[in-house]
Amino acid sequence: MKKIINIIGVLIFLFSHFIYSQSIRVYYELDYQPSKASKDRKKTIDLLTIKGNQSTFQNQNVLMRDSLFIKAFSEHRDLMQKEQKSIYKKIPNAYKVIKKDNEKLILNEYIGNLGGFYYEEKMNLNWAILNETQKIENILCQKATTQYGGRQWTAWFSNEIPINNGPYKFGNLPGLIIKMNDDKNEFIWTMKGLRHDDKFQLYIKNMMEHQGFACTKISKKQFQKTIKKYYKNPLGNYMETFQHYKKDADFIKKLREYEKAELDFIKNHNNSIEKY
């Protein structure tokens, strides 16, 4: 997070520049429990990039991977092969959220070998804004609660930073969400930095593709069914697609190794932000 503006020092800057700034990036640390079967926790960095009335939210590793793919794909096939492990590396929480006016949003994700999918959703969160306040990262915050995705959520937002946005799909509060957590603390986002730079781009067109292929639009219900289908059978229709390889022992062995790797990944990352 090179040259991230220290939070303590940005408040005066924010008041005079936020509304008029062209591009802002907010850095959130996500402390979460990836598996339902284990209390082990992981930490990662999520990026909220805001430009005008639109914003994108994604994992920092996803942005880096996608940028590497675009560079490799456009420059040279040899680079594509050299960076293959990094390009095709599986990343937990690899979804991408695109918001417009904090009301209409798009969630895009690549699901196993089934392909890239996205759905549109109109957000209408019923926030309860409370009088309780506390300082988080030296910023005075106010408490708000809501229910979404089968979880009870608590947000701590700051009127000192007049941006009605936040991590994941959350927003539409009187200020930027500094901290967000569910009632079981399985997912905790905390703002760790903020940077204003006109060079930041949303890259929405690239976000609607996966490795050069356009993602398929489906309903949210179909999206959830597709994830459940993948969890139960990560091979999907591979066996039917490659019928003529059924007698190839080496191919079948590699396919089973792939299946085991996918099942292990699912087992270790089956605790979704939204409960399906």
Protein backbone atom coordinates (compact mmCIF):
# COMPACT_ATOMS: atom_id res chain seq x y z
CA MET A 1 0.00 0.00 0.00
CA LYS A 2 2.57 2.45 -1.25
CA LYS A 3 2.12 6.10 -0.28
CA ILE A 4 -1.21 5.53 1.48
CA ILE A 5 -2.22 8.71 3.25
CA ASN A 6 -2.16 8.29 7.02
CA ILE A 7 -5.73 8.37 8.33
CA ILE A 8 -4.96 10.78 11.15
CA GLY A 9 -3.61 13.34 8.73
CA VAL A 10 -6.27 13.17 6.06
CA LEU A 11 -9.31 14.62 7.78
CA ILE A 12 -8.64 18.27 6.95
CA PHE A 13 -7.71 17.23 3.41
CA LEU A 14 -10.91 15.22 3.13
CA PHE A 15 -13.23 18.06 3.99
CA SER A 16 -11.93 20.32 1.26
CA HIS A 17 -11.18 17.76 -1.43
CA PHE A 18 -13.39 14.70 -1.13
CA ILE A 19 -16.49 15.93 -2.88
CA TYR A 20 -14.50 17.38 -5.75
CA SER A 21 -11.82 14.70 -6.09
CA GLN A 22 -11.96 12.60 -9.19
CA SER A 23 -10.74 9.30 -7.82
CA ILE A 24 -10.36 7.87 -4.32
CA ARG A 25 -9.17 4.50 -3.09
CA VAL A 26 -10.04 3.20 0.38
CA TYR A 27 -8.01 0.33 1.81
CA TYR A 28 -9.86 -2.11 4.07
CA GLU A 29 -8.33 -4.94 6.05
CA LEU A 30 -10.64 -7.96 6.04
CA ASP A 31 -10.19 -10.23 9.07
CA TYR A 32 -12.38 -13.27 8.46
CA GLN A 33 -13.13 -16.94 9.14
CA PRO A 34 -12.93 -18.72 5.76
CA SER A 35 -14.23 -22.15 6.83
CA LYS A 36 -17.39 -23.13 8.66
CA ALA A 37 -15.53 -26.10 10.19
CA SER A 38 -12.62 -24.14 11.65
CA LYS A 39 -12.16 -21.05 13.81
CA ASP A 40 -8.89 -20.25 12.03
CA ARG A 41 -8.80 -16.75 10.62
CA LYS A 42 -7.15 -15.00 7.69
CA LYS A 43 -6.45 -11.40 6.82
CA THR A 44 -6.40 -9.75 3.42
CA ILE A 45 -6.71 -6.29 1.87
CA ASP A 46 -9.82 -5.19 -0.04
CA LEU A 47 -9.92 -2.08 -2.21
CA LEU A 48 -12.82 0.34 -2.60
CA THR A 49 -12.19 2.63 -5.58
CA ILE A 50 -14.57 5.56 -6.05
CA LYS A 51 -14.87 7.72 -9.16
CA GLY A 52 -17.84 10.06 -9.46
CA ASN A 53 -21.09 8.22 -8.76
CA GLN A 54 -19.58 4.80 -9.41
CA SER A 55 -17.33 2.55 -7.36
CA THR A 56 -15.70 -0.87 -7.45
CA PHE A 57 -14.79 -3.20 -4.61
CA GLN A 58 -12.45 -6.16 -4.90
CA ASN A 59 -9.63 -8.04 -3.23
CA GLN A 60 -6.20 -6.53 -3.80
CA ASN A 61 -4.87 -9.90 -5.05
CA VAL A 62 -7.66 -10.12 -7.64
CA LEU A 63 -6.77 -6.68 -8.99
CA MET A 64 -3.09 -7.67 -9.20
CA ARG A 65 -3.90 -11.00 -10.89
CA ASP A 66 -6.23 -9.42 -13.45
CA SER A 67 -3.71 -6.68 -14.21
CA LEU A 68 -1.04 -9.32 -14.76
CA PHE A 69 -3.31 -11.26 -17.12
CA ILE A 70 -4.12 -8.17 -19.19
CA LYS A 71 -0.41 -7.31 -19.42
CA ALA A 72 0.59 -10.87 -20.35
CA PHE A 73 -2.28 -11.32 -22.82
CA SER A 74 -1.61 -8.07 -24.64
CA GLU A 75 2.18 -8.20 -24.70
CA HIS A 76 3.45 -11.68 -25.43
CA ARG A 77 2.51 -15.36 -25.31
CA ASP A 78 5.83 -16.20 -23.60
CA LEU A 79 4.95 -13.88 -20.72
CA MET A 80 1.55 -15.60 -20.52
CA GLN A 81 3.26 -18.96 -20.05
CA LYS A 82 5.84 -17.57 -17.63
CA GLU A 83 3.19 -16.03 -15.37
CA GLN A 84 0.71 -18.90 -15.73
CA LYS A 85 0.82 -19.92 -12.05
CA SER A 86 0.12 -16.37 -10.88
CA ILE A 87 -2.58 -15.77 -13.49
CA TYR A 88 -4.54 -18.95 -12.73
CA LYS A 89 -3.93 -18.99 -8.98
CA LYS A 90 -7.14 -19.45 -6.99
CA ILE A 91 -7.96 -16.53 -4.73
CA PRO A 92 -10.56 -16.65 -1.92
CA ASN A 93 -13.28 -13.96 -2.02
CA ALA A 94 -12.54 -13.27 -5.68
CA TYR A 95 -15.84 -11.47 -6.26
CA LYS A 96 -16.00 -7.97 -7.75
CA VAL A 97 -18.70 -5.49 -6.76
CA ILE A 98 -19.62 -2.54 -8.98
CA LYS A 99 -21.90 0.13 -7.49
CA LYS A 100 -23.72 3.00 -9.14
CA ASP A 101 -25.21 5.72 -6.93
CA ASN A 102 -24.95 3.16 -4.08
CA GLU A 103 -28.28 1.71 -5.21
CA LYS A 104 -27.80 -0.49 -8.25
CA LEU A 105 -24.90 -2.90 -8.05
CA ILE A 106 -23.36 -5.76 -9.99
CA LEU A 107 -21.57 -8.71 -8.40
CA ASN A 108 -19.24 -10.66 -10.65
CA GLU A 109 -17.38 -13.88 -9.83
CA TYR A 110 -15.73 -16.79 -11.61
CA ILE A 111 -17.15 -20.06 -10.24
CA GLY A 112 -14.83 -23.04 -10.57
CA ASN A 113 -14.73 -24.37 -14.12
CA LEU A 114 -18.31 -23.25 -14.76
CA GLY A 115 -17.25 -19.81 -16.00
CA GLY A 116 -17.68 -16.18 -15.06
CA PHE A 117 -21.12 -14.98 -13.93
CA TYR A 118 -22.65 -11.74 -12.75
CA TYR A 119 -26.00 -10.53 -11.44
CA GLU A 120 -27.54 -7.13 -10.85
CA GLU A 121 -29.15 -6.18 -7.56
CA LYS A 122 -30.93 -3.07 -6.29
CA MET A 123 -29.80 -2.37 -2.75
CA ASN A 124 -32.33 -1.11 -0.24
CA LEU A 125 -30.73 -1.70 3.15
CA ASN A 126 -32.86 -0.82 6.15
CA TRP A 127 -30.35 0.91 8.41
CA ALA A 128 -31.01 1.64 12.08
CA ILE A 129 -28.76 4.59 12.99
CA LEU A 130 -28.01 4.68 16.72
CA ASN A 131 -26.64 7.40 19.02
CA GLU A 132 -23.70 5.25 20.13
CA THR A 133 -20.27 6.55 19.10
CA GLN A 134 -16.65 5.48 19.45
CA LYS A 135 -13.25 6.28 17.98
CA ILE A 136 -11.86 3.80 15.46
CA GLU A 137 -8.45 4.44 13.90
CA ASN A 138 -8.63 7.87 15.65
CA ILE A 139 -11.79 8.77 13.73
CA LEU A 140 -15.05 9.53 15.54
CA CYS A 141 -17.65 7.01 14.32
CA GLN A 142 -21.35 6.41 14.83
CA LYS A 143 -23.06 3.03 15.01
CA ALA A 144 -25.63 1.66 12.55
CA THR A 145 -27.10 -1.82 12.16
CA THR A 146 -28.84 -3.74 9.40
CA GLN A 147 -29.69 -7.25 8.24
CA TYR A 148 -28.47 -8.61 4.93
CA GLY A 149 -27.59 -11.97 3.41
CA GLY A 150 -28.74 -13.97 6.43
CA ARG A 151 -26.53 -12.01 8.84
CA GLN A 152 -26.93 -9.15 11.31
CA TRP A 153 -24.40 -6.41 10.54
CA THR A 154 -22.94 -3.51 12.51
CA ALA A 155 -21.38 -0.55 10.73
CA TRP A 156 -19.34 2.25 12.22
CA PHE A 157 -19.45 5.25 9.90
CA SER A 158 -17.93 8.73 10.13
CA ASN A 159 -19.64 12.01 9.33
CA GLU A 160 -16.13 13.47 9.15
CA ILE A 161 -15.65 11.67 5.83
CA PRO A 162 -18.74 12.58 3.75
CA ILE A 163 -18.77 9.57 1.42
CA ASN A 164 -21.82 7.29 1.57
CA ASN A 165 -19.95 4.12 0.65
CA GLY A 166 -18.25 1.17 2.31
CA PRO A 167 -16.97 -2.39 1.96
CA TYR A 168 -18.66 -5.10 -0.12
CA LYS A 169 -22.24 -4.07 -1.00
CA PHE A 170 -22.71 -1.79 1.99
CA GLY A 171 -23.24 1.97 1.87
CA ASN A 172 -25.93 4.67 1.92
CA LEU A 173 -24.99 5.97 5.36
CA PRO A 174 -24.23 9.65 6.16
CA GLY A 175 -20.49 8.97 5.99
CA LEU A 176 -17.84 6.47 4.99
CA ILE A 177 -18.00 3.11 6.76
CA ILE A 178 -14.81 2.80 8.82
CA LYS A 179 -15.57 -0.61 10.32
CA MET A 180 -18.10 -3.31 9.42
CA ASN A 181 -18.73 -6.67 11.07
CA ASP A 182 -21.39 -9.36 11.36
CA ASP A 183 -22.78 -10.38 14.75
CA LYS A 184 -20.54 -13.47 14.95
CA ASN A 185 -17.43 -11.54 13.91
CA GLU A 186 -16.81 -13.99 11.09
CA PHE A 187 -16.22 -11.02 8.78
CA ILE A 188 -14.63 -7.78 9.99
CA TRP A 189 -13.62 -4.96 7.65
CA THR A 190 -11.57 -2.10 9.08
CA MET A 191 -10.42 0.93 7.10
CA LYS A 192 -6.63 1.13 7.20
CA GLY A 193 -5.86 3.84 4.69
CA LEU A 194 -7.13 6.19 2.04
CA ARG A 195 -5.53 7.73 -1.01
CA HIS A 196 -6.63 10.33 -3.55
CA ASP A 197 -5.11 9.89 -7.00
CA ASP A 198 -6.64 10.84 -10.35
CA LYS A 199 -4.78 7.91 -11.93
CA PHE A 200 -7.05 5.37 -10.23
CA GLN A 201 -9.44 3.82 -12.73
CA LEU A 202 -12.49 1.61 -12.22
CA TYR A 203 -11.81 -0.70 -15.19
CA ILE A 204 -15.46 -1.77 -15.22
CA LYS A 205 -15.22 -3.28 -18.70
CA ASN A 206 -12.32 -5.49 -17.60
CA MET A 207 -14.18 -6.42 -14.42
CA MET A 208 -17.04 -7.78 -16.52
CA GLU A 209 -14.65 -10.22 -18.18
CA HIS A 210 -12.58 -13.13 -16.92
CA GLN A 211 -9.30 -13.82 -18.68
CA GLY A 212 -10.58 -12.24 -21.88
CA PHE A 213 -14.01 -13.89 -21.90
CA ALA A 214 -17.26 -12.03 -21.19
CA CYS A 215 -19.12 -13.14 -18.07
CA THR A 216 -22.68 -14.47 -18.28
CA LYS A 217 -25.55 -12.50 -16.77
CA ILE A 218 -27.89 -14.55 -14.56
CA SER A 219 -30.30 -13.80 -11.71
CA LYS A 220 -29.06 -13.72 -8.12
CA LYS A 221 -31.08 -16.87 -7.41
CA GLN A 222 -29.41 -18.65 -10.35
CA PHE A 223 -26.04 -17.39 -9.13
CA GLN A 224 -26.59 -18.93 -5.70
CA LYS A 225 -27.74 -22.21 -7.28
CA THR A 226 -24.63 -22.25 -9.47
CA ILE A 227 -22.37 -21.88 -6.42
CA LYS A 228 -24.18 -24.72 -4.63
CA LYS A 229 -23.82 -26.86 -7.75
CA TYR A 230 -20.10 -26.16 -7.87
CA TYR A 231 -19.68 -26.97 -4.17
CA LYS A 232 -21.33 -30.36 -4.67
CA ASN A 233 -19.62 -31.25 -7.94
CA PRO A 234 -16.58 -29.10 -8.81
CA LEU A 235 -15.85 -31.18 -11.92
CA GLY A 236 -19.17 -30.10 -13.40
CA ASN A 237 -19.63 -31.62 -16.83
CA TYR A 238 -15.94 -32.35 -17.39
CA MET A 239 -16.49 -36.11 -17.60
CA GLU A 240 -19.19 -35.70 -20.25
CA THR A 241 -17.12 -33.16 -22.18
CA PHE A 242 -14.07 -35.41 -22.30
CA GLN A 243 -15.78 -38.76 -22.90
CA HIS A 244 -13.09 -39.81 -25.39
CA TYR A 245 -10.44 -39.53 -22.64
CA LYS A 246 -12.15 -41.98 -20.29
CA LYS A 247 -9.64 -44.71 -21.09
CA ASP A 248 -6.67 -42.39 -20.67
CA ALA A 249 -5.40 -43.30 -17.20
CA ASP A 250 -3.05 -40.32 -16.98
CA PHE A 251 -5.82 -37.87 -17.91
CA ILE A 252 -8.26 -39.40 -15.39
CA LYS A 253 -5.58 -39.23 -12.68
CA LYS A 254 -4.99 -35.53 -13.34
CA LEU A 255 -8.73 -34.91 -13.38
CA ARG A 256 -9.14 -36.59 -9.98
CA GLU A 257 -6.23 -34.57 -8.61
CA TYR A 258 -7.95 -31.42 -9.83
CA GLU A 259 -11.21 -32.54 -8.22
CA LYS A 260 -9.49 -33.17 -4.88
CA ALA A 261 -7.77 -29.78 -4.99
CA GLU A 262 -11.10 -28.07 -5.71
CA LEU A 263 -12.90 -29.97 -2.93
CA ASP A 264 -10.13 -29.07 -0.47
CA PHE A 265 -10.36 -25.41 -1.51
CA ILE A 266 -14.15 -25.46 -1.07
CA LYS A 267 -13.87 -27.12 2.35
CA ASN A 268 -11.41 -24.47 3.50
CA HIS A 269 -13.36 -21.53 2.00
CA ASN A 270 -17.05 -22.43 2.38
CA ASN A 271 -18.04 -19.64 4.77
CA SER A 272 -19.70 -17.11 2.46
CA ILE A 273 -20.40 -13.49 3.35
CA GLU A 274 -24.00 -14.11 2.33
CA LYS A 275 -25.55 -17.35 3.55
CA TYR A 276 -26.99 -19.40 0.69
